[in-house]
Amino acid sequence: MMVYPNPTNDMFFIKSQSADIQQVTVTDISGKIIAQFVRPTESTPLSIRQAGTFFLKIQNNEGVVVRKIVKL
């Protein structure tokens, strides 16, 4: 599972080599949900409005993966 570009100024993408992404939940460092994306594809541009460090909880058909992303 790859999140790029990281850090990002605007849009970012998630690449999954083997699993279909069901949902992506973006939380801040305190755990507050900032955004949710349902069934994004590799070509779906995702964005976070505010700057900071965030965690992406990526749910797919194989389980859950968490990745960190920095928005400049």
PDB file of N, CA and C in Angstrom:
ATOM      1  N   MET A   1       0.859  -1.164   0.000  1.00  0.00           N
ATOM      2  CA  MET A   1       0.000   0.000   0.000  1.00  0.00           C
ATOM      3  C   MET A   1       0.904   1.226   0.000  1.00  0.00           C
ATOM      4  N   MET A   2       0.715   2.100  -0.974  1.00  0.00           N
ATOM      5  CA  MET A   2       1.574   3.270  -1.108  1.00  0.00           C
ATOM      6  C   MET A   2       0.723   4.538  -1.167  1.00  0.00           C
ATOM      7  N   VAL A   3       1.113   5.552  -0.394  1.00  0.00           N
ATOM      8  CA  VAL A   3       0.463   6.857  -0.412  1.00  0.00           C
ATOM      9  C   VAL A   3       1.476   7.847  -0.979  1.00  0.00           C
ATOM     10  N   TYR A   4       1.098   8.571  -2.021  1.00  0.00           N
ATOM     11  CA  TYR A   4       2.038   9.489  -2.664  1.00  0.00           C
ATOM     12  C   TYR A   4       1.304  10.686  -3.245  1.00  0.00           C
ATOM     13  N   PRO A   5       1.937  11.826  -3.429  1.00  0.00           N
ATOM     14  CA  PRO A   5       3.228  12.190  -2.834  1.00  0.00           C
ATOM     15  C   PRO A   5       3.066  12.429  -1.331  1.00  0.00           C
ATOM     16  N   ASN A   6       4.125  12.205  -0.620  1.00  0.00           N
ATOM     17  CA  ASN A   6       4.108  12.390   0.824  1.00  0.00           C
ATOM     18  C   ASN A   6       5.471  12.915   1.269  1.00  0.00           C
ATOM     19  N   PRO A   7       5.542  14.171   1.713  1.00  0.00           N
ATOM     20  CA  PRO A   7       4.461  15.102   2.022  1.00  0.00           C
ATOM     21  C   PRO A   7       3.795  15.635   0.751  1.00  0.00           C
ATOM     22  N   THR A   8       2.609  16.215   0.944  1.00  0.00           N
ATOM     23  CA  THR A   8       1.834  16.721  -0.183  1.00  0.00           C
ATOM     24  C   THR A   8       1.436  18.174   0.042  1.00  0.00           C
ATOM     25  N   ASN A   9       1.320  18.903  -1.054  1.00  0.00           N
ATOM     26  CA  ASN A   9       0.817  20.277  -0.993  1.00  0.00           C
ATOM     27  C   ASN A   9      -0.684  20.331  -1.231  1.00  0.00           C
ATOM     28  N   ASP A  10      -1.222  19.322  -1.935  1.00  0.00           N
ATOM     29  CA  ASP A  10      -2.635  19.366  -2.287  1.00  0.00           C
ATOM     30  C   ASP A  10      -3.203  17.957  -2.376  1.00  0.00           C
ATOM     31  N   MET A  11      -3.238  17.392  -3.560  1.00  0.00           N
ATOM     32  CA  MET A  11      -3.832  16.079  -3.792  1.00  0.00           C
ATOM     33  C   MET A  11      -2.838  14.962  -3.479  1.00  0.00           C
ATOM     34  N   PHE A  12      -3.381  13.800  -3.084  1.00  0.00           N
ATOM     35  CA  PHE A  12      -2.556  12.611  -2.919  1.00  0.00           C
ATOM     36  C   PHE A  12      -3.322  11.416  -3.451  1.00  0.00           C
ATOM     37  N   PHE A  13      -2.609  10.326  -3.672  1.00  0.00           N
ATOM     38  CA  PHE A  13      -3.178   9.115  -4.249  1.00  0.00           C
ATOM     39  C   PHE A  13      -2.777   7.916  -3.406  1.00  0.00           C
ATOM     40  N   ILE A  14      -3.567   6.856  -3.480  1.00  0.00           N
ATOM     41  CA  ILE A  14      -3.266   5.611  -2.777  1.00  0.00           C
ATOM     42  C   ILE A  14      -3.171   4.506  -3.815  1.00  0.00           C
ATOM     43  N   LYS A  15      -2.056   3.779  -3.781  1.00  0.00           N
ATOM     44  CA  LYS A  15      -1.859   2.672  -4.717  1.00  0.00           C
ATOM     45  C   LYS A  15      -1.834   1.366  -3.937  1.00  0.00           C
ATOM     46  N   SER A  16      -2.688   0.454  -4.334  1.00  0.00           N
ATOM     47  CA  SER A  16      -2.757  -0.867  -3.716  1.00  0.00           C
ATOM     48  C   SER A  16      -2.497  -1.897  -4.799  1.00  0.00           C
ATOM     49  N   GLN A  17      -1.479  -2.728  -4.608  1.00  0.00           N
ATOM     50  CA  GLN A  17      -1.111  -3.690  -5.645  1.00  0.00           C
ATOM     51  C   GLN A  17      -2.025  -4.902  -5.681  1.00  0.00           C
ATOM     52  N   SER A  18      -2.597  -5.263  -4.542  1.00  0.00           N
ATOM     53  CA  SER A  18      -3.332  -6.528  -4.535  1.00  0.00           C
ATOM     54  C   SER A  18      -4.776  -6.446  -4.061  1.00  0.00           C
ATOM     55  N   ALA A  19      -5.179  -5.362  -3.429  1.00  0.00           N
ATOM     56  CA  ALA A  19      -6.509  -5.344  -2.812  1.00  0.00           C
ATOM     57  C   ALA A  19      -7.311  -4.123  -3.244  1.00  0.00           C
ATOM     58  N   ASP A  20      -8.613  -4.308  -3.375  1.00  0.00           N
ATOM     59  CA  ASP A  20      -9.510  -3.198  -3.667  1.00  0.00           C
ATOM     60  C   ASP A  20      -9.750  -2.394  -2.397  1.00  0.00           C
ATOM     61  N   ILE A  21      -9.594  -1.095  -2.486  1.00  0.00           N
ATOM     62  CA  ILE A  21      -9.806  -0.229  -1.333  1.00  0.00           C
ATOM     63  C   ILE A  21     -11.302  -0.003  -1.162  1.00  0.00           C
ATOM     64  N   GLN A  22     -11.791  -0.293   0.032  1.00  0.00           N
ATOM     65  CA  GLN A  22     -13.204  -0.113   0.346  1.00  0.00           C
ATOM     66  C   GLN A  22     -13.488   1.295   0.876  1.00  0.00           C
ATOM     67  N   GLN A  23     -12.626   1.748   1.799  1.00  0.00           N
ATOM     68  CA  GLN A  23     -12.844   3.048   2.432  1.00  0.00           C
ATOM     69  C   GLN A  23     -11.534   3.582   2.980  1.00  0.00           C
ATOM     70  N   VAL A  24     -11.397   4.901   2.964  1.00  0.00           N
ATOM     71  CA  VAL A  24     -10.254   5.576   3.569  1.00  0.00           C
ATOM     72  C   VAL A  24     -10.797   6.592   4.567  1.00  0.00           C
ATOM     73  N   THR A  25     -10.332   6.498   5.814  1.00  0.00           N
ATOM     74  CA  THR A  25     -10.714   7.451   6.850  1.00  0.00           C
ATOM     75  C   THR A  25      -9.475   8.244   7.234  1.00  0.00           C
ATOM     76  N   VAL A  26      -9.574   9.564   7.179  1.00  0.00           N
ATOM     77  CA  VAL A  26      -8.468  10.451   7.523  1.00  0.00           C
ATOM     78  C   VAL A  26      -8.721  11.000   8.920  1.00  0.00           C
ATOM     79  N   THR A  27      -7.743  10.805   9.822  1.00  0.00           N
ATOM     80  CA  THR A  27      -7.857  11.349  11.177  1.00  0.00           C
ATOM     81  C   THR A  27      -6.655  12.228  11.485  1.00  0.00           C
ATOM     82  N   ASP A  28      -6.861  13.203  12.372  1.00  0.00           N
ATOM     83  CA  ASP A  28      -5.734  14.011  12.823  1.00  0.00           C
ATOM     84  C   ASP A  28      -5.024  13.269  13.955  1.00  0.00           C
ATOM     85  N   ILE A  29      -4.001  13.891  14.526  1.00  0.00           N
ATOM     86  CA  ILE A  29      -3.212  13.179  15.535  1.00  0.00           C
ATOM     87  C   ILE A  29      -3.982  12.934  16.828  1.00  0.00           C
ATOM     88  N   SER A  30      -5.087  13.657  17.038  1.00  0.00           N
ATOM     89  CA  SER A  30      -5.910  13.421  18.228  1.00  0.00           C
ATOM     90  C   SER A  30      -6.985  12.360  17.986  1.00  0.00           C
ATOM     91  N   GLY A  31      -7.103  11.871  16.738  1.00  0.00           N
ATOM     92  CA  GLY A  31      -8.079  10.840  16.422  1.00  0.00           C
ATOM     93  C   GLY A  31      -9.377  11.361  15.833  1.00  0.00           C
ATOM     94  N   LYS A  32      -9.489  12.671  15.681  1.00  0.00           N
ATOM     95  CA  LYS A  32     -10.699  13.277  15.106  1.00  0.00           C
ATOM     96  C   LYS A  32     -10.766  12.972  13.609  1.00  0.00           C
ATOM     97  N   ILE A  33     -11.931  12.529  13.147  1.00  0.00           N
ATOM     98  CA  ILE A  33     -12.105  12.227  11.725  1.00  0.00           C
ATOM     99  C   ILE A  33     -12.185  13.530  10.939  1.00  0.00           C
ATOM    100  N   ILE A  34     -11.312  13.654   9.950  1.00  0.00           N
ATOM    101  CA  ILE A  34     -11.233  14.845   9.107  1.00  0.00           C
ATOM    102  C   ILE A  34     -11.982  14.634   7.796  1.00  0.00           C
ATOM    103  N   ALA A  35     -11.876  13.428   7.234  1.00  0.00           N
ATOM    104  CA  ALA A  35     -12.521  13.132   5.950  1.00  0.00           C
ATOM    105  C   ALA A  35     -12.677  11.632   5.800  1.00  0.00           C
ATOM    106  N   GLN A  36     -13.620  11.239   4.942  1.00  0.00           N
ATOM    107  CA  GLN A  36     -13.793   9.831   4.582  1.00  0.00           C
ATOM    108  C   GLN A  36     -14.019   9.741   3.082  1.00  0.00           C
ATOM    109  N   PHE A  37     -13.423   8.730   2.485  1.00  0.00           N
ATOM    110  CA  PHE A  37     -13.566   8.482   1.055  1.00  0.00           C
ATOM    111  C   PHE A  37     -14.029   7.039   0.884  1.00  0.00           C
ATOM    112  N   VAL A  38     -15.089   6.827   0.124  1.00  0.00           N
ATOM    113  CA  VAL A  38     -15.640   5.492  -0.092  1.00  0.00           C
ATOM    114  C   VAL A  38     -15.246   5.007  -1.480  1.00  0.00           C
ATOM    115  N   ARG A  39     -14.630   3.830  -1.513  1.00  0.00           N
ATOM    116  CA  ARG A  39     -14.205   3.156  -2.734  1.00  0.00           C
ATOM    117  C   ARG A  39     -13.393   4.025  -3.703  1.00  0.00           C
ATOM    118  N   PRO A  40     -12.352   4.703  -3.194  1.00  0.00           N
ATOM    119  CA  PRO A  40     -11.515   5.464  -4.124  1.00  0.00           C
ATOM    120  C   PRO A  40     -10.694   4.510  -4.986  1.00  0.00           C
ATOM    121  N   THR A  41     -10.445   4.902  -6.206  1.00  0.00           N
ATOM    122  CA  THR A  41      -9.586   4.109  -7.085  1.00  0.00           C
ATOM    123  C   THR A  41      -8.192   4.714  -7.066  1.00  0.00           C
ATOM    124  N   GLU A  42      -7.256   4.038  -7.724  1.00  0.00           N
ATOM    125  CA  GLU A  42      -5.887   4.528  -7.794  1.00  0.00           C
ATOM    126  C   GLU A  42      -5.804   5.902  -8.438  1.00  0.00           C
ATOM    127  N   SER A  43      -6.726   6.196  -9.334  1.00  0.00           N
ATOM    128  CA  SER A  43      -6.694   7.472 -10.052  1.00  0.00           C
ATOM    129  C   SER A  43      -7.557   8.552  -9.398  1.00  0.00           C
ATOM    130  N   THR A  44      -8.187   8.239  -8.262  1.00  0.00           N
ATOM    131  CA  THR A  44      -9.016   9.229  -7.571  1.00  0.00           C
ATOM    132  C   THR A  44      -8.120  10.175  -6.777  1.00  0.00           C
ATOM    133  N   PRO A  45      -8.137  11.474  -7.100  1.00  0.00           N
ATOM    134  CA  PRO A  45      -7.340  12.404  -6.296  1.00  0.00           C
ATOM    135  C   PRO A  45      -8.030  12.650  -4.956  1.00  0.00           C
ATOM    136  N   LEU A  46      -7.293  12.497  -3.879  1.00  0.00           N
ATOM    137  CA  LEU A  46      -7.812  12.718  -2.533  1.00  0.00           C
ATOM    138  C   LEU A  46      -7.152  13.974  -1.975  1.00  0.00           C
ATOM    139  N   SER A  47      -7.834  14.668  -1.092  1.00  0.00           N
ATOM    140  CA  SER A  47      -7.221  15.878  -0.540  1.00  0.00           C
ATOM    141  C   SER A  47      -7.660  16.110   0.902  1.00  0.00           C
ATOM    142  N   ILE A  48      -6.811  16.843   1.604  1.00  0.00           N
ATOM    143  CA  ILE A  48      -7.066  17.292   2.970  1.00  0.00           C
ATOM    144  C   ILE A  48      -6.896  18.807   2.932  1.00  0.00           C
ATOM    145  N   ARG A  49      -7.824  19.541   3.473  1.00  0.00           N
ATOM    146  CA  ARG A  49      -7.782  21.007   3.373  1.00  0.00           C
ATOM    147  C   ARG A  49      -6.754  21.652   4.292  1.00  0.00           C
ATOM    148  N   GLN A  50      -6.663  21.186   5.530  1.00  0.00           N
ATOM    149  CA  GLN A  50      -5.780  21.841   6.486  1.00  0.00           C
ATOM    150  C   GLN A  50      -4.401  21.197   6.503  1.00  0.00           C
ATOM    151  N   ALA A  51      -3.397  21.975   6.906  1.00  0.00           N
ATOM    152  CA  ALA A  51      -2.029  21.476   7.000  1.00  0.00           C
ATOM    153  C   ALA A  51      -1.847  20.706   8.304  1.00  0.00           C
ATOM    154  N   GLY A  52      -0.924  19.742   8.290  1.00  0.00           N
ATOM    155  CA  GLY A  52      -0.623  18.986   9.495  1.00  0.00           C
ATOM    156  C   GLY A  52      -0.261  17.552   9.187  1.00  0.00           C
ATOM    157  N   THR A  53      -0.172  16.744  10.238  1.00  0.00           N
ATOM    158  CA  THR A  53       0.116  15.320  10.120  1.00  0.00           C
ATOM    159  C   THR A  53      -1.178  14.555  10.332  1.00  0.00           C
ATOM    160  N   PHE A  54      -1.442  13.596   9.447  1.00  0.00           N
ATOM    161  CA  PHE A  54      -2.697  12.853   9.479  1.00  0.00           C
ATOM    162  C   PHE A  54      -2.433  11.365   9.329  1.00  0.00           C
ATOM    163  N   PHE A  55      -3.391  10.569   9.752  1.00  0.00           N
ATOM    164  CA  PHE A  55      -3.325   9.127   9.587  1.00  0.00           C
ATOM    165  C   PHE A  55      -4.443   8.687   8.660  1.00  0.00           C
ATOM    166  N   LEU A  56      -4.105   7.822   7.727  1.00  0.00           N
ATOM    167  CA  LEU A  56      -5.066   7.262   6.794  1.00  0.00           C
ATOM    168  C   LEU A  56      -5.350   5.831   7.209  1.00  0.00           C
ATOM    169  N   LYS A  57      -6.570   5.544   7.570  1.00  0.00           N
ATOM    170  CA  LYS A  57      -6.999   4.176   7.877  1.00  0.00           C
ATOM    171  C   LYS A  57      -7.614   3.640   6.590  1.00  0.00           C
ATOM    172  N   ILE A  58      -6.896   2.739   5.947  1.00  0.00           N
ATOM    173  CA  ILE A  58      -7.288   2.236   4.634  1.00  0.00           C
ATOM    174  C   ILE A  58      -7.853   0.834   4.803  1.00  0.00           C
ATOM    175  N   GLN A  59      -9.137   0.691   4.521  1.00  0.00           N
ATOM    176  CA  GLN A  59      -9.802  -0.611   4.634  1.00  0.00           C
ATOM    177  C   GLN A  59      -9.917  -1.219   3.244  1.00  0.00           C
ATOM    178  N   ASN A  60      -9.452  -2.471   3.145  1.00  0.00           N
ATOM    179  CA  ASN A  60      -9.585  -3.188   1.884  1.00  0.00           C
ATOM    180  C   ASN A  60     -10.063  -4.604   2.170  1.00  0.00           C
ATOM    181  N   ASN A  61     -10.162  -5.409   1.123  1.00  0.00           N
ATOM    182  CA  ASN A  61     -10.690  -6.763   1.308  1.00  0.00           C
ATOM    183  C   ASN A  61      -9.717  -7.691   2.032  1.00  0.00           C
ATOM    184  N   GLU A  62      -8.525  -7.218   2.357  1.00  0.00           N
ATOM    185  CA  GLU A  62      -7.552  -8.017   3.105  1.00  0.00           C
ATOM    186  C   GLU A  62      -7.425  -7.568   4.559  1.00  0.00           C
ATOM    187  N   GLY A  63      -8.051  -6.441   4.918  1.00  0.00           N
ATOM    188  CA  GLY A  63      -7.955  -5.940   6.286  1.00  0.00           C
ATOM    189  C   GLY A  63      -7.818  -4.435   6.326  1.00  0.00           C
ATOM    190  N   VAL A  64      -7.101  -3.950   7.341  1.00  0.00           N
ATOM    191  CA  VAL A  64      -6.934  -2.512   7.549  1.00  0.00           C
ATOM    192  C   VAL A  64      -5.447  -2.187   7.598  1.00  0.00           C
ATOM    193  N   VAL A  65      -5.071  -1.115   6.907  1.00  0.00           N
ATOM    194  CA  VAL A  65      -3.696  -0.626   6.894  1.00  0.00           C
ATOM    195  C   VAL A  65      -3.743   0.837   7.315  1.00  0.00           C
ATOM    196  N   VAL A  66      -2.791   1.270   8.135  1.00  0.00           N
ATOM    197  CA  VAL A  66      -2.718   2.670   8.545  1.00  0.00           C
ATOM    198  C   VAL A  66      -1.427   3.264   7.995  1.00  0.00           C
ATOM    199  N   ARG A  67      -1.552   4.416   7.358  1.00  0.00           N
ATOM    200  CA  ARG A  67      -0.400   5.138   6.824  1.00  0.00           C
ATOM    201  C   ARG A  67      -0.458   6.580   7.310  1.00  0.00           C
ATOM    202  N   LYS A  68       0.712   7.181   7.483  1.00  0.00           N
ATOM    203  CA  LYS A  68       0.803   8.580   7.908  1.00  0.00           C
ATOM    204  C   LYS A  68       1.052   9.443   6.675  1.00  0.00           C
ATOM    205  N   ILE A  69       0.421  10.628   6.644  1.00  0.00           N
ATOM    206  CA  ILE A  69       0.662  11.573   5.559  1.00  0.00           C
ATOM    207  C   ILE A  69       0.815  12.966   6.150  1.00  0.00           C
ATOM    208  N   VAL A  70       1.672  13.759   5.528  1.00  0.00           N
ATOM    209  CA  VAL A  70       1.897  15.135   5.960  1.00  0.00           C
ATOM    210  C   VAL A  70       1.379  16.064   4.873  1.00  0.00           C
ATOM    211  N   LYS A  71       0.503  16.988   5.271  1.00  0.00           N
ATOM    212  CA  LYS A  71      -0.031  18.006   4.358  1.00  0.00           C
ATOM    213  C   LYS A  71       0.673  19.306   4.680  1.00  0.00           C
ATOM    214  N   LEU A  72       1.362  19.868   3.699  1.00  0.00           N
ATOM    215  CA  LEU A  72       2.103  21.123   3.896  1.00  0.00           C
ATOM    216  C   LEU A  72       1.202  22.326   3.755  1.00  0.00           C
TER     217      LEU A  72
END
